[in-house]
Amino acid sequence: MEVRLAQWLLASVFIVMGGFRLWQALHGVATSDITLLLSTGEVVLGVLIAAGWKLRLLTLLAAALLLADAALSHPFWRYAGGQLLATQLLQFMKNMGLVGGLLLLSVAGGAKRR
């Protein structure tokens, strides 16, 4: 039961954040085509993880995407200090925590349940 809950919680990150960006676009927030495409993919990825479809493959893919996002979007090492450094470090480490959870799920998610 705990693995299933972890699976749904990790999937919810992709569903909610991708869905939120799509919802904003539907309500007039300027959004690039690439953001719409990536957000749609994010929602689909989250739904498939929640459903347990090819869980090992999808969780490893999601972990790789979050690693790339962390390095490209939250380069805390570029800042000398202050609030911007703290914010970028927080976002980077949040992604690292999610990567860790996804790696654990890639191993535990496919295990036979009693």
C-alpha atoms as a PDB file:
ATOM      1  CA  MET A   1       0.000   0.000   0.000  1.00  0.00           C
ATOM      2  CA  GLU A   2       2.841   2.410   0.806  1.00  0.00           C
ATOM      3  CA  VAL A   3       4.466   1.867  -2.592  1.00  0.00           C
ATOM      4  CA  ARG A   4       1.171   2.568  -4.350  1.00  0.00           C
ATOM      5  CA  LEU A   5       0.717   5.791  -2.345  1.00  0.00           C
ATOM      6  CA  ALA A   6       4.262   6.883  -3.194  1.00  0.00           C
ATOM      7  CA  GLN A   7       3.537   6.115  -6.856  1.00  0.00           C
ATOM      8  CA  TRP A   8       0.409   8.307  -6.860  1.00  0.00           C
ATOM      9  CA  LEU A   9       2.097  11.150  -4.974  1.00  0.00           C
ATOM     10  CA  LEU A  10       5.070  11.210  -7.343  1.00  0.00           C
ATOM     11  CA  ALA A  11       2.728  11.061 -10.345  1.00  0.00           C
ATOM     12  CA  SER A  12       0.685  13.943  -8.923  1.00  0.00           C
ATOM     13  CA  VAL A  13       3.650  16.308  -9.273  1.00  0.00           C
ATOM     14  CA  PHE A  14       3.636  15.825 -13.049  1.00  0.00           C
ATOM     15  CA  ILE A  15      -0.153  15.854 -13.384  1.00  0.00           C
ATOM     16  CA  VAL A  16      -0.692  18.963 -11.269  1.00  0.00           C
ATOM     17  CA  MET A  17       2.188  21.070 -12.602  1.00  0.00           C
ATOM     18  CA  GLY A  18       1.644  20.160 -16.255  1.00  0.00           C
ATOM     19  CA  GLY A  19      -2.097  20.575 -15.825  1.00  0.00           C
ATOM     20  CA  PHE A  20      -1.657  23.931 -14.114  1.00  0.00           C
ATOM     21  CA  ARG A  21       0.379  25.316 -17.028  1.00  0.00           C
ATOM     22  CA  LEU A  22      -2.222  24.021 -19.501  1.00  0.00           C
ATOM     23  CA  TRP A  23      -5.029  25.545 -17.415  1.00  0.00           C
ATOM     24  CA  GLN A  24      -3.210  28.888 -17.372  1.00  0.00           C
ATOM     25  CA  ALA A  25      -2.836  28.779 -21.163  1.00  0.00           C
ATOM     26  CA  LEU A  26      -6.561  28.070 -21.530  1.00  0.00           C
ATOM     27  CA  HIS A  27      -7.245  31.145 -19.408  1.00  0.00           C
ATOM     28  CA  GLY A  28      -5.180  33.529 -21.477  1.00  0.00           C
ATOM     29  CA  VAL A  29      -1.700  33.319 -19.978  1.00  0.00           C
ATOM     30  CA  ALA A  30       0.835  33.644 -22.796  1.00  0.00           C
ATOM     31  CA  THR A  31       2.438  30.235 -23.243  1.00  0.00           C
ATOM     32  CA  SER A  32       4.869  29.064 -25.902  1.00  0.00           C
ATOM     33  CA  ASP A  33       4.096  26.088 -28.100  1.00  0.00           C
ATOM     34  CA  ILE A  34       7.007  24.150 -26.618  1.00  0.00           C
ATOM     35  CA  THR A  35       5.664  24.753 -23.093  1.00  0.00           C
ATOM     36  CA  LEU A  36       2.245  23.492 -24.187  1.00  0.00           C
ATOM     37  CA  LEU A  37       3.820  20.396 -25.705  1.00  0.00           C
ATOM     38  CA  LEU A  38       6.032  19.682 -22.686  1.00  0.00           C
ATOM     39  CA  SER A  39       3.158  20.310 -20.261  1.00  0.00           C
ATOM     40  CA  THR A  40       0.918  17.911 -22.168  1.00  0.00           C
ATOM     41  CA  GLY A  41       3.685  15.298 -22.080  1.00  0.00           C
ATOM     42  CA  GLU A  42       4.115  15.919 -18.358  1.00  0.00           C
ATOM     43  CA  VAL A  43       0.408  15.252 -17.690  1.00  0.00           C
ATOM     44  CA  VAL A  44       0.476  12.081 -19.804  1.00  0.00           C
ATOM     45  CA  LEU A  45       3.649  10.899 -18.038  1.00  0.00           C
ATOM     46  CA  GLY A  46       2.024  11.494 -14.648  1.00  0.00           C
ATOM     47  CA  VAL A  47      -1.164   9.636 -15.589  1.00  0.00           C
ATOM     48  CA  LEU A  48       0.835   6.664 -16.898  1.00  0.00           C
ATOM     49  CA  ILE A  49       2.969   6.544 -13.736  1.00  0.00           C
ATOM     50  CA  ALA A  50      -0.173   6.732 -11.578  1.00  0.00           C
ATOM     51  CA  ALA A  51      -1.681   3.871 -13.583  1.00  0.00           C
ATOM     52  CA  GLY A  52       1.501   1.818 -13.234  1.00  0.00           C
ATOM     53  CA  TRP A  53       2.028   1.368 -16.977  1.00  0.00           C
ATOM     54  CA  LYS A  54       5.653   0.374 -17.729  1.00  0.00           C
ATOM     55  CA  LEU A  55       6.485   1.811 -14.340  1.00  0.00           C
ATOM     56  CA  ARG A  56      10.216   1.087 -14.299  1.00  0.00           C
ATOM     57  CA  LEU A  57      10.811   2.663 -17.702  1.00  0.00           C
ATOM     58  CA  LEU A  58       8.624   5.704 -17.032  1.00  0.00           C
ATOM     59  CA  THR A  59      10.026   6.420 -13.579  1.00  0.00           C
ATOM     60  CA  LEU A  60      13.574   6.267 -14.944  1.00  0.00           C
ATOM     61  CA  LEU A  61      12.549   8.591 -17.787  1.00  0.00           C
ATOM     62  CA  ALA A  62      10.900  10.986 -15.329  1.00  0.00           C
ATOM     63  CA  ALA A  63      14.009  10.929 -13.117  1.00  0.00           C
ATOM     64  CA  ALA A  64      16.229  11.767 -16.099  1.00  0.00           C
ATOM     65  CA  LEU A  65      13.933  14.633 -17.098  1.00  0.00           C
ATOM     66  CA  LEU A  66      13.982  16.052 -13.577  1.00  0.00           C
ATOM     67  CA  LEU A  67      17.781  15.795 -13.440  1.00  0.00           C
ATOM     68  CA  ALA A  68      17.995  17.774 -16.680  1.00  0.00           C
ATOM     69  CA  ASP A  69      15.440  20.293 -15.433  1.00  0.00           C
ATOM     70  CA  ALA A  70      17.360  20.780 -12.204  1.00  0.00           C
ATOM     71  CA  ALA A  71      20.647  21.412 -13.988  1.00  0.00           C
ATOM     72  CA  LEU A  72      19.175  23.659 -16.684  1.00  0.00           C
ATOM     73  CA  SER A  73      16.513  25.563 -14.762  1.00  0.00           C
ATOM     74  CA  HIS A  74      17.965  25.887 -11.256  1.00  0.00           C
ATOM     75  CA  PRO A  75      21.728  26.601 -11.525  1.00  0.00           C
ATOM     76  CA  PHE A  76      22.228  27.671  -7.905  1.00  0.00           C
ATOM     77  CA  TRP A  77      26.015  27.494  -8.365  1.00  0.00           C
ATOM     78  CA  ARG A  78      25.867  30.656 -10.502  1.00  0.00           C
ATOM     79  CA  TYR A  79      24.772  32.849  -7.589  1.00  0.00           C
ATOM     80  CA  ALA A  80      26.986  34.306  -4.881  1.00  0.00           C
ATOM     81  CA  GLY A  81      24.325  34.552  -2.209  1.00  0.00           C
ATOM     82  CA  GLY A  82      21.050  36.095  -1.216  1.00  0.00           C
ATOM     83  CA  GLN A  83      17.471  35.117  -1.890  1.00  0.00           C
ATOM     84  CA  LEU A  84      18.026  34.054  -5.507  1.00  0.00           C
ATOM     85  CA  LEU A  85      20.680  31.537  -4.432  1.00  0.00           C
ATOM     86  CA  ALA A  86      18.396  30.196  -1.710  1.00  0.00           C
ATOM     87  CA  THR A  87      15.432  29.897  -4.094  1.00  0.00           C
ATOM     88  CA  GLN A  88      17.437  28.147  -6.812  1.00  0.00           C
ATOM     89  CA  LEU A  89      19.058  25.784  -4.304  1.00  0.00           C
ATOM     90  CA  LEU A  90      15.643  24.914  -2.858  1.00  0.00           C
ATOM     91  CA  GLN A  91      14.201  24.164  -6.299  1.00  0.00           C
ATOM     92  CA  PHE A  92      17.275  22.153  -7.292  1.00  0.00           C
ATOM     93  CA  MET A  93      17.127  20.060  -4.118  1.00  0.00           C
ATOM     94  CA  LYS A  94      13.364  19.564  -4.494  1.00  0.00           C
ATOM     95  CA  ASN A  95      14.059  18.035  -7.888  1.00  0.00           C
ATOM     96  CA  MET A  96      16.818  15.859  -6.401  1.00  0.00           C
ATOM     97  CA  GLY A  97      14.376  14.565  -3.773  1.00  0.00           C
ATOM     98  CA  LEU A  98      11.856  13.730  -6.481  1.00  0.00           C
ATOM     99  CA  VAL A  99      14.581  11.986  -8.498  1.00  0.00           C
ATOM    100  CA  GLY A 100      15.390   9.891  -5.434  1.00  0.00           C
ATOM    101  CA  GLY A 101      11.742   8.957  -4.985  1.00  0.00           C
ATOM    102  CA  LEU A 102      11.394   8.049  -8.654  1.00  0.00           C
ATOM    103  CA  LEU A 103      14.525   5.872  -8.510  1.00  0.00           C
ATOM    104  CA  LEU A 104      13.146   4.053  -5.479  1.00  0.00           C
ATOM    105  CA  LEU A 105       9.806   3.605  -7.225  1.00  0.00           C
ATOM    106  CA  SER A 106      11.563   2.235 -10.324  1.00  0.00           C
ATOM    107  CA  VAL A 107      12.881  -0.594  -8.136  1.00  0.00           C
ATOM    108  CA  ALA A 108      10.021  -1.111  -5.681  1.00  0.00           C
ATOM    109  CA  GLY A 109       7.107  -0.334  -7.979  1.00  0.00           C
ATOM    110  CA  GLY A 110       7.428  -3.478 -10.035  1.00  0.00           C
ATOM    111  CA  ALA A 111       7.818  -5.823  -7.079  1.00  0.00           C
ATOM    112  CA  LYS A 112       5.222  -8.534  -6.652  1.00  0.00           C
ATOM    113  CA  ARG A 113       2.765  -7.677  -3.919  1.00  0.00           C
ATOM    114  CA  ARG A 114       1.547 -10.285  -1.444  1.00  0.00           C
END
